[in-house]
Amino acid sequence: MTLTEPKQGLAAYIAVTAAYWAFMLSDGALRMLVLLHFHTLGFSPFTLAWLFLLYEFMGVVTNLSAGWIAARFGLTSTLYAGLSLQIVALIALSQLSTEWAVATSVIYVMVVQGMSGVAKDLSKMSSKSAVKLLAPEGDGLFRWVAILTGSKNAVKGFGFLLGAALLALIGFTPSVIAMAIVLGAILIGVVAFMPAGLPKGSKSAKFSQVWSKDLRINRLSLARMFLFGARDVWFVVGIPVYFHAVVSDGTHAGDRSAFFLIGSFMAVWIIGYGAVQAWAPKLLKASQRDPHDFPRLATLWVGILTVVIGALALAALFPGAWLTPVLVAGLLVFGFVFAVNSSLHSYLILAFTKAERVTMDVGFYYMSNAAGRLIGTLLSGLSYQIGGLPLCLGTAAAMSAASWLSARQLAKLDHAA
């Protein structure tokens, strides 16, 4: 069986997508569980950011090496490894005790979150690389990667809501145990039904090959780093903590209501983001465009994003009862524009790379993605603690502007290639 057989390629795509969905559902739920659980325990915004720093840092390390690992041992091996590590991380979190000292709890959660970060990026790199090999020729690549990425983010959005609901209904420890059991069952099913045909790996793959020599990929990766930094600066700590302060009255009942409202907003944002990503090929009329037009579009849309988040940063300088609804509406607009940007990037990295280098280049690109999330996560807690919401959103605007500057040369480089 080969990847050139349409039915086999579609079957492998469905199996890879199902595995990725299962992982991202648990990933979204786990983020909400950890963030809201420790916020109610009295952790400061900066300390909350520290809980996720190793998660993002390990994403940088993992993506740098995951491309080589997949080229060496095969895509299915890295996909299964990612799911297995997430199960181990969930089980480990169930052993967390409220009797531990704050420093011990922070270090323990950081280490476990680091393991989860490795798991996420092994799964992501495997899934995205598989699309390059499985997608039909023509405009199929943009459509297939948009569907995979968009549906993944919609599922992760449900995960945010699931995590907040589980925390409110059954508590932290029972939630992570239940998630580990369900994810384990899904892993067994994926292994049982995964069709053959994906690359098994090559002993000739060298680690030194992970570094890209294509200027387009390097520029795109830099733009991607700043793009995701611009999102995570407000997304990881700033906005959830701000909304909790606005919604909760400090009582247990108030906290429960806040959990549901915050989880619902984050879920709607991520689900909408995923839906727009999946819709992006139609929105941009991808099938009617010259492939060389997409780098220019990537620059245009990140420029729009910078204007949107910059306007929200200015609005935050004038607090009042009107600010929260404006933020909700503005961040939904940000999500729409951000989703189009992200979808264009996800297509461009696969369009720029060659089949024989796909895991290497995708790994390098997502290393930059993880670096942006790492920077954004650190700045989210730091900027909110120092300057509140205005500095948090202003920092996001600065990173979005840096992404625009990084993407400006993409069109010229693509025409020259």
Protein backbone atom coordinates (compact mmCIF):
# COMPACT_ATOMS: atom_id res chain seq x y z
CA MET A 1 0.00 0.00 0.00
CA THR A 2 1.39 3.41 -0.96
CA LEU A 3 0.44 6.99 -0.28
CA THR A 4 -0.44 7.49 -3.94
CA GLU A 5 -3.63 5.42 -3.54
CA PRO A 6 -6.41 7.98 -2.84
CA LYS A 7 -8.49 5.76 -0.54
CA GLN A 8 -5.47 4.75 1.53
CA GLY A 9 -4.27 8.33 1.73
CA LEU A 10 -7.69 9.51 2.90
CA ALA A 11 -7.88 6.71 5.50
CA ALA A 12 -4.47 7.66 6.89
CA TYR A 13 -5.49 11.35 6.93
CA ILE A 14 -8.65 10.52 8.91
CA ALA A 15 -6.70 8.40 11.42
CA VAL A 16 -4.06 11.11 11.90
CA THR A 17 -6.76 13.76 12.31
CA ALA A 18 -8.64 11.65 14.90
CA ALA A 19 -5.47 11.18 16.94
CA TYR A 20 -4.71 14.90 16.76
CA TRP A 21 -8.26 15.78 17.83
CA ALA A 22 -8.04 13.51 20.87
CA PHE A 23 -4.76 15.07 21.93
CA MET A 24 -5.89 18.67 21.49
CA LEU A 25 -9.11 18.07 23.44
CA SER A 26 -7.02 16.97 26.42
CA ASP A 27 -4.50 19.78 25.86
CA GLY A 28 -7.15 22.51 25.97
CA ALA A 29 -8.86 21.01 29.01
CA LEU A 30 -5.57 20.63 30.86
CA ARG A 31 -4.61 24.28 30.28
CA MET A 32 -7.87 25.54 31.77
CA LEU A 33 -7.67 23.11 34.68
CA VAL A 34 -4.16 24.20 35.64
CA LEU A 35 -4.72 27.94 35.08
CA LEU A 36 -7.99 28.25 36.98
CA HIS A 37 -7.10 25.76 39.73
CA PHE A 38 -3.90 27.57 40.68
CA HIS A 39 -5.39 31.02 40.23
CA THR A 40 -8.02 30.20 42.89
CA LEU A 41 -5.21 28.96 45.15
CA GLY A 42 -3.85 32.51 45.14
CA PHE A 43 -1.00 32.27 42.60
CA SER A 44 0.02 35.63 41.10
CA PRO A 45 -0.20 36.25 37.31
CA PHE A 46 3.58 35.97 36.99
CA THR A 47 3.65 32.69 38.94
CA LEU A 48 0.84 31.34 36.75
CA ALA A 49 2.93 32.15 33.69
CA TRP A 50 5.82 30.15 35.18
CA LEU A 51 3.58 27.07 35.30
CA PHE A 52 3.47 27.09 31.50
CA LEU A 53 7.02 28.22 30.72
CA LEU A 54 8.60 24.77 30.61
CA TYR A 55 5.65 23.57 28.51
CA GLU A 56 6.52 26.18 25.88
CA PHE A 57 10.30 25.80 26.25
CA MET A 58 10.08 22.05 25.69
CA GLY A 59 8.08 22.83 22.57
CA VAL A 60 11.11 24.70 21.22
CA VAL A 61 13.44 21.82 22.05
CA THR A 62 11.03 19.16 20.82
CA ASN A 63 10.31 20.80 17.47
CA LEU A 64 14.00 21.30 16.83
CA SER A 65 14.60 17.56 17.21
CA ALA A 66 11.18 16.12 16.31
CA GLY A 67 11.69 16.61 12.58
CA TRP A 68 14.84 14.51 12.73
CA ILE A 69 13.21 11.94 15.04
CA ALA A 70 10.30 11.51 12.61
CA ALA A 71 12.64 11.27 9.63
CA ARG A 72 14.68 8.69 11.53
CA PHE A 73 11.92 6.59 13.17
CA GLY A 74 8.75 7.38 11.20
CA LEU A 75 5.69 9.62 11.57
CA THR A 76 3.46 7.08 13.31
CA SER A 77 6.12 6.49 15.98
CA THR A 78 6.25 10.18 16.93
CA LEU A 79 2.45 10.46 16.86
CA TYR A 80 2.01 7.50 19.24
CA ALA A 81 4.81 8.81 21.48
CA GLY A 82 3.05 12.18 21.80
CA LEU A 83 -0.25 10.61 22.86
CA SER A 84 1.50 8.28 25.34
CA LEU A 85 3.45 11.12 26.97
CA GLN A 86 0.25 13.13 27.46
CA ILE A 87 -1.31 10.20 29.32
CA VAL A 88 1.74 9.98 31.59
CA ALA A 89 1.56 13.76 32.24
CA LEU A 90 -2.11 13.55 33.21
CA ILE A 91 -1.46 10.69 35.61
CA ALA A 92 1.45 12.60 37.14
CA LEU A 93 -0.73 15.68 37.74
CA SER A 94 -3.23 13.54 39.62
CA GLN A 95 -0.54 13.03 42.29
CA LEU A 96 -0.32 16.77 43.06
CA SER A 97 -1.06 17.55 46.71
CA THR A 98 -2.46 20.76 48.19
CA GLU A 99 -0.26 20.13 51.25
CA TRP A 100 2.94 20.79 49.28
CA ALA A 101 4.76 24.09 49.59
CA VAL A 102 4.09 26.63 46.83
CA ALA A 103 7.62 26.31 45.41
CA THR A 104 7.34 22.51 45.31
CA SER A 105 3.96 22.67 43.57
CA VAL A 106 5.22 25.17 40.99
CA ILE A 107 8.31 23.10 40.15
CA TYR A 108 6.34 19.86 39.97
CA VAL A 109 3.65 21.32 37.69
CA MET A 110 6.30 22.98 35.51
CA VAL A 111 8.05 19.63 34.98
CA VAL A 112 4.81 17.81 34.19
CA GLN A 113 3.72 20.62 31.88
CA GLY A 114 7.11 20.32 30.18
CA MET A 115 6.33 16.67 29.49
CA SER A 116 2.96 17.72 28.08
CA GLY A 117 4.74 20.27 25.87
CA VAL A 118 6.91 17.52 24.39
CA ALA A 119 3.80 15.43 23.81
CA LYS A 120 1.93 18.25 22.07
CA ASP A 121 4.67 19.08 19.62
CA LEU A 122 5.44 15.48 18.75
CA SER A 123 1.76 15.06 17.87
CA LYS A 124 1.54 18.38 16.00
CA MET A 125 4.67 17.87 13.90
CA SER A 126 3.59 14.33 12.97
CA SER A 127 0.08 15.38 11.95
CA LYS A 128 1.09 18.45 9.93
CA SER A 129 3.92 16.62 8.14
CA ALA A 130 1.58 13.78 7.21
CA VAL A 131 -0.72 16.22 5.38
CA LYS A 132 2.09 17.21 3.00
CA LEU A 133 2.47 13.56 2.02
CA LEU A 134 -1.22 12.64 1.94
CA ALA A 135 -2.91 15.65 0.33
CA PRO A 136 -4.04 15.38 -3.31
CA GLU A 137 -2.31 17.55 -5.90
CA GLY A 138 -3.61 20.99 -6.88
CA ASP A 139 -5.32 23.13 -4.25
CA GLY A 140 -5.81 20.06 -2.05
CA LEU A 141 -2.84 20.95 0.17
CA PHE A 142 -4.35 24.24 1.39
CA ARG A 143 -7.78 22.63 1.89
CA TRP A 144 -6.47 19.60 3.80
CA VAL A 145 -4.12 21.52 6.08
CA ALA A 146 -6.85 24.12 6.72
CA ILE A 147 -9.32 21.39 7.70
CA LEU A 148 -6.80 19.66 9.97
CA THR A 149 -5.66 22.86 11.66
CA GLY A 150 -9.11 24.42 11.88
CA SER A 151 -10.81 21.33 13.27
CA LYS A 152 -7.95 20.84 15.75
CA ASN A 153 -8.44 24.31 17.16
CA ALA A 154 -12.21 23.88 17.33
CA VAL A 155 -11.66 20.68 19.33
CA LYS A 156 -9.16 22.47 21.57
CA GLY A 157 -11.79 25.13 22.18
CA PHE A 158 -14.19 22.47 23.42
CA GLY A 159 -11.30 21.33 25.61
CA PHE A 160 -11.15 24.77 27.27
CA LEU A 161 -14.83 24.55 28.09
CA LEU A 162 -14.47 20.92 29.19
CA GLY A 163 -11.59 21.77 31.54
CA ALA A 164 -13.46 24.64 33.19
CA ALA A 165 -16.62 22.53 33.53
CA LEU A 166 -14.75 19.54 34.98
CA LEU A 167 -12.99 21.75 37.54
CA ALA A 168 -16.28 23.26 38.66
CA LEU A 169 -18.17 19.95 38.78
CA ILE A 170 -15.75 17.25 39.99
CA GLY A 171 -12.52 19.02 40.94
CA PHE A 172 -8.93 18.92 39.73
CA THR A 173 -7.69 15.39 40.53
CA PRO A 174 -10.74 13.39 39.32
CA SER A 175 -10.68 15.46 36.11
CA VAL A 176 -7.11 14.61 35.11
CA ILE A 177 -7.59 10.92 35.97
CA ALA A 178 -10.73 10.71 33.81
CA MET A 179 -8.93 12.43 30.93
CA ALA A 180 -6.01 10.00 31.14
CA ILE A 181 -8.36 7.01 30.95
CA VAL A 182 -10.23 8.36 27.93
CA LEU A 183 -7.05 9.35 26.08
CA GLY A 184 -5.59 5.89 26.73
CA ALA A 185 -8.62 4.25 25.14
CA ILE A 186 -8.34 6.55 22.11
CA LEU A 187 -4.64 5.75 21.71
CA ILE A 188 -5.41 2.02 21.62
CA GLY A 189 -8.06 2.62 18.97
CA VAL A 190 -5.79 4.77 16.79
CA VAL A 191 -2.96 2.20 16.92
CA ALA A 192 -5.41 -0.57 16.03
CA PHE A 193 -6.94 1.21 13.03
CA MET A 194 -4.06 3.29 11.65
CA PRO A 195 -3.54 2.16 8.03
CA ALA A 196 -0.07 1.52 6.65
CA GLY A 197 1.58 3.85 4.18
CA LEU A 198 3.15 6.67 6.17
CA PRO A 199 6.98 6.86 6.04
CA LYS A 200 8.71 4.47 8.44
CA GLY A 201 11.90 6.50 8.82
CA SER A 202 15.40 6.37 7.43
CA LYS A 203 18.68 5.60 9.18
CA SER A 204 20.43 8.07 6.87
CA ALA A 205 18.63 11.10 8.36
CA LYS A 206 21.12 13.47 10.05
CA PHE A 207 20.34 15.88 12.89
CA SER A 208 22.29 18.67 11.18
CA GLN A 209 19.64 18.69 8.44
CA VAL A 210 17.03 20.26 10.73
CA TRP A 211 18.43 23.74 10.04
CA SER A 212 16.67 25.29 7.07
CA LYS A 213 18.70 26.98 4.33
CA ASP A 214 15.60 28.35 2.57
CA LEU A 215 15.26 32.09 3.28
CA ARG A 216 11.49 31.89 2.76
CA ILE A 217 11.16 29.30 5.51
CA ASN A 218 13.41 31.30 7.83
CA ARG A 219 11.42 34.51 7.27
CA LEU A 220 8.11 32.69 7.66
CA SER A 221 9.33 31.07 10.86
CA LEU A 222 10.33 34.44 12.31
CA ALA A 223 6.94 35.91 11.40
CA ARG A 224 5.27 32.88 12.99
CA MET A 225 7.22 33.34 16.22
CA PHE A 226 6.03 36.93 16.65
CA LEU A 227 2.49 36.09 15.50
CA PHE A 228 1.95 33.50 18.22
CA GLY A 229 3.73 35.65 20.77
CA ALA A 230 1.18 38.38 19.99
CA ARG A 231 -1.66 36.01 20.79
CA ASP A 232 -0.27 34.35 23.91
CA VAL A 233 0.71 37.65 25.53
CA TRP A 234 -2.97 38.27 26.28
CA PHE A 235 -4.35 34.74 25.92
CA VAL A 236 -2.38 32.71 28.49
CA VAL A 237 -2.69 34.78 31.68
CA GLY A 238 -3.76 38.38 31.08
CA ILE A 239 -7.33 38.09 29.79
CA PRO A 240 -8.37 35.06 31.93
CA VAL A 241 -7.15 36.80 35.10
CA TYR A 242 -8.78 40.10 34.06
CA PHE A 243 -12.12 38.39 33.36
CA HIS A 244 -11.98 36.51 36.66
CA ALA A 245 -11.45 39.79 38.53
CA VAL A 246 -14.42 41.35 36.71
CA VAL A 247 -16.84 38.40 37.01
CA SER A 248 -16.09 36.74 40.39
CA ASP A 249 -17.17 38.24 43.71
CA GLY A 250 -14.55 36.18 45.57
CA THR A 251 -16.95 33.54 46.91
CA HIS A 252 -16.86 29.86 45.97
CA ALA A 253 -20.08 30.27 43.99
CA GLY A 254 -18.66 33.35 42.31
CA ASP A 255 -15.53 31.43 41.34
CA ARG A 256 -17.61 28.61 39.85
CA SER A 257 -19.60 31.08 37.76
CA ALA A 258 -16.38 32.75 36.64
CA PHE A 259 -14.90 29.38 35.64
CA PHE A 260 -17.83 28.66 33.35
CA LEU A 261 -17.86 32.14 31.83
CA ILE A 262 -14.10 32.28 31.26
CA GLY A 263 -14.02 28.73 29.94
CA SER A 264 -16.95 29.50 27.64
CA PHE A 265 -15.30 32.63 26.24
CA MET A 266 -11.98 30.86 25.65
CA ALA A 267 -13.84 27.94 24.09
CA VAL A 268 -15.87 30.17 21.76
CA TRP A 269 -12.70 32.04 20.79
CA ILE A 270 -10.76 28.87 19.96
CA ILE A 271 -13.71 27.17 18.23
CA GLY A 272 -14.36 30.27 16.13
CA TYR A 273 -10.66 30.53 15.37
CA GLY A 274 -10.65 26.92 14.19
CA ALA A 275 -13.76 27.40 12.06
CA VAL A 276 -12.24 30.42 10.32
CA GLN A 277 -9.01 28.49 9.70
CA ALA A 278 -10.97 25.71 8.01
CA TRP A 279 -12.93 28.30 5.99
CA ALA A 280 -9.86 30.34 4.99
CA PRO A 281 -9.30 28.66 1.56
CA LYS A 282 -12.84 29.65 0.50
CA LEU A 283 -12.58 33.10 2.08
CA LEU A 284 -9.36 33.80 0.20
CA LYS A 285 -10.61 32.06 -3.00
CA ALA A 286 -7.48 29.94 -2.88
CA SER A 287 -8.35 27.79 -5.91
CA GLN A 288 -8.49 30.91 -8.13
CA ARG A 289 -5.21 32.45 -6.98
CA ASP A 290 -1.67 32.24 -8.22
CA PRO A 291 0.35 30.33 -5.54
CA HIS A 292 2.81 33.25 -5.44
CA ASP A 293 0.01 35.52 -4.19
CA PHE A 294 -0.18 33.89 -0.75
CA PRO A 295 3.01 35.45 0.75
CA ARG A 296 1.60 38.91 -0.03
CA LEU A 297 -1.69 37.97 1.62
CA ALA A 298 0.17 36.81 4.73
CA THR A 299 1.75 40.27 5.05
CA LEU A 300 -1.55 42.08 4.47
CA TRP A 301 -3.49 40.12 7.10
CA VAL A 302 -0.89 40.48 9.84
CA GLY A 303 -0.97 44.24 9.19
CA ILE A 304 -4.73 44.19 9.86
CA LEU A 305 -4.10 42.16 13.02
CA THR A 306 -1.69 44.80 14.31
CA VAL A 307 -4.29 47.53 13.87
CA VAL A 308 -6.94 45.49 15.74
CA ILE A 309 -4.83 44.65 18.81
CA GLY A 310 -3.33 48.16 18.85
CA ALA A 311 -6.85 49.64 19.05
CA LEU A 312 -7.71 47.34 21.97
CA ALA A 313 -4.53 48.39 23.79
CA LEU A 314 -5.56 52.05 23.45
CA ALA A 315 -9.08 51.26 24.67
CA ALA A 316 -7.68 49.57 27.80
CA LEU A 317 -6.13 52.89 28.84
CA PHE A 318 -9.65 54.19 29.59
CA PRO A 319 -11.29 51.64 31.93
CA GLY A 320 -15.00 51.63 32.56
CA ALA A 321 -18.09 49.45 32.43
CA TRP A 322 -17.95 49.61 28.63
CA LEU A 323 -14.44 48.09 28.44
CA THR A 324 -15.29 44.42 29.03
CA PRO A 325 -17.87 44.12 26.19
CA VAL A 326 -15.51 46.02 23.89
CA LEU A 327 -12.71 43.61 24.78
CA VAL A 328 -14.92 40.59 24.11
CA ALA A 329 -15.96 41.92 20.70
CA GLY A 330 -12.45 43.11 19.84
CA LEU A 331 -10.78 39.84 20.78
CA LEU A 332 -13.28 37.93 18.64
CA VAL A 333 -12.30 40.16 15.69
CA PHE A 334 -8.65 39.54 16.58
CA GLY A 335 -9.41 35.80 16.52
CA PHE A 336 -10.92 36.02 13.03
CA VAL A 337 -7.94 37.89 11.58
CA PHE A 338 -5.44 35.77 13.51
CA ALA A 339 -7.04 32.58 12.17
CA VAL A 340 -6.62 33.72 8.55
CA ASN A 341 -2.97 34.57 9.30
CA SER A 342 -2.37 31.21 10.93
CA SER A 343 -4.01 29.30 8.08
CA LEU A 344 -1.88 31.12 5.51
CA HIS A 345 1.28 30.30 7.49
CA SER A 346 0.30 26.63 7.83
CA TYR A 347 -0.15 26.42 4.07
CA LEU A 348 3.01 28.35 3.21
CA ILE A 349 5.35 26.17 5.26
CA LEU A 350 4.11 23.08 3.42
CA ALA A 351 4.18 24.87 0.07
CA PHE A 352 7.75 26.08 0.59
CA THR A 353 9.19 22.75 1.77
CA LYS A 354 10.01 19.68 -0.31
CA ALA A 355 8.59 16.22 0.41
CA GLU A 356 12.01 14.82 1.32
CA ARG A 357 12.56 17.59 3.91
CA VAL A 358 9.01 17.99 5.18
CA THR A 359 9.52 16.75 8.76
CA MET A 360 12.73 18.78 9.11
CA ASP A 361 11.26 22.04 7.84
CA VAL A 362 7.94 21.62 9.66
CA GLY A 363 9.84 20.86 12.86
CA PHE A 364 12.00 23.97 12.43
CA TYR A 365 8.93 26.11 11.70
CA TYR A 366 7.05 24.85 14.74
CA MET A 367 10.14 25.39 16.85
CA SER A 368 9.66 29.07 16.02
CA ASN A 369 5.97 28.75 16.81
CA ALA A 370 6.84 27.30 20.23
CA ALA A 371 9.44 30.03 20.81
CA GLY A 372 6.75 32.65 20.18
CA ARG A 373 4.44 30.94 22.65
CA LEU A 374 7.25 30.77 25.20
CA ILE A 375 7.98 34.49 24.86
CA GLY A 376 4.28 35.32 24.86
CA THR A 377 3.62 33.22 27.96
CA LEU A 378 6.42 34.88 29.92
CA LEU A 379 5.38 38.36 28.82
CA SER A 380 1.71 37.61 29.54
CA GLY A 381 2.25 37.21 33.28
CA LEU A 382 5.03 39.80 33.49
CA SER A 383 3.30 42.56 31.52
CA TYR A 384 -0.03 42.06 33.32
CA GLN A 385 1.60 42.11 36.74
CA ILE A 386 3.63 45.25 35.95
CA GLY A 387 1.20 47.32 33.90
CA GLY A 388 -2.16 45.55 33.97
CA LEU A 389 -4.30 45.08 30.90
CA PRO A 390 -3.03 48.12 28.90
CA LEU A 391 0.61 46.95 29.00
CA CYS A 392 -0.46 43.36 28.30
CA LEU A 393 -2.35 44.34 25.13
CA GLY A 394 0.29 46.90 24.15
CA THR A 395 2.96 44.20 24.27
CA ALA A 396 0.76 42.01 22.05
CA ALA A 397 0.47 44.88 19.54
CA ALA A 398 4.26 45.31 19.47
CA MET A 399 4.76 41.61 18.74
CA SER A 400 2.15 41.70 15.99
CA ALA A 401 3.98 44.63 14.40
CA ALA A 402 7.22 42.63 14.57
CA SER A 403 5.46 39.76 12.74
CA TRP A 404 4.41 42.19 10.00
CA LEU A 405 7.99 43.44 9.60
CA SER A 406 9.25 39.85 9.41
CA ALA A 407 6.73 38.87 6.72
CA ARG A 408 7.33 41.86 4.44
CA GLN A 409 10.05 40.16 2.39
CA LEU A 410 8.19 36.88 1.85
CA ALA A 411 6.65 37.87 -1.50
CA LYS A 412 10.01 38.99 -2.97
CA LEU A 413 11.78 35.89 -1.74
CA ASP A 414 9.06 33.63 -3.15
CA HIS A 415 9.22 35.18 -6.61
CA ALA A 416 13.01 34.87 -6.53
CA ALA A 417 12.92 31.17 -5.55
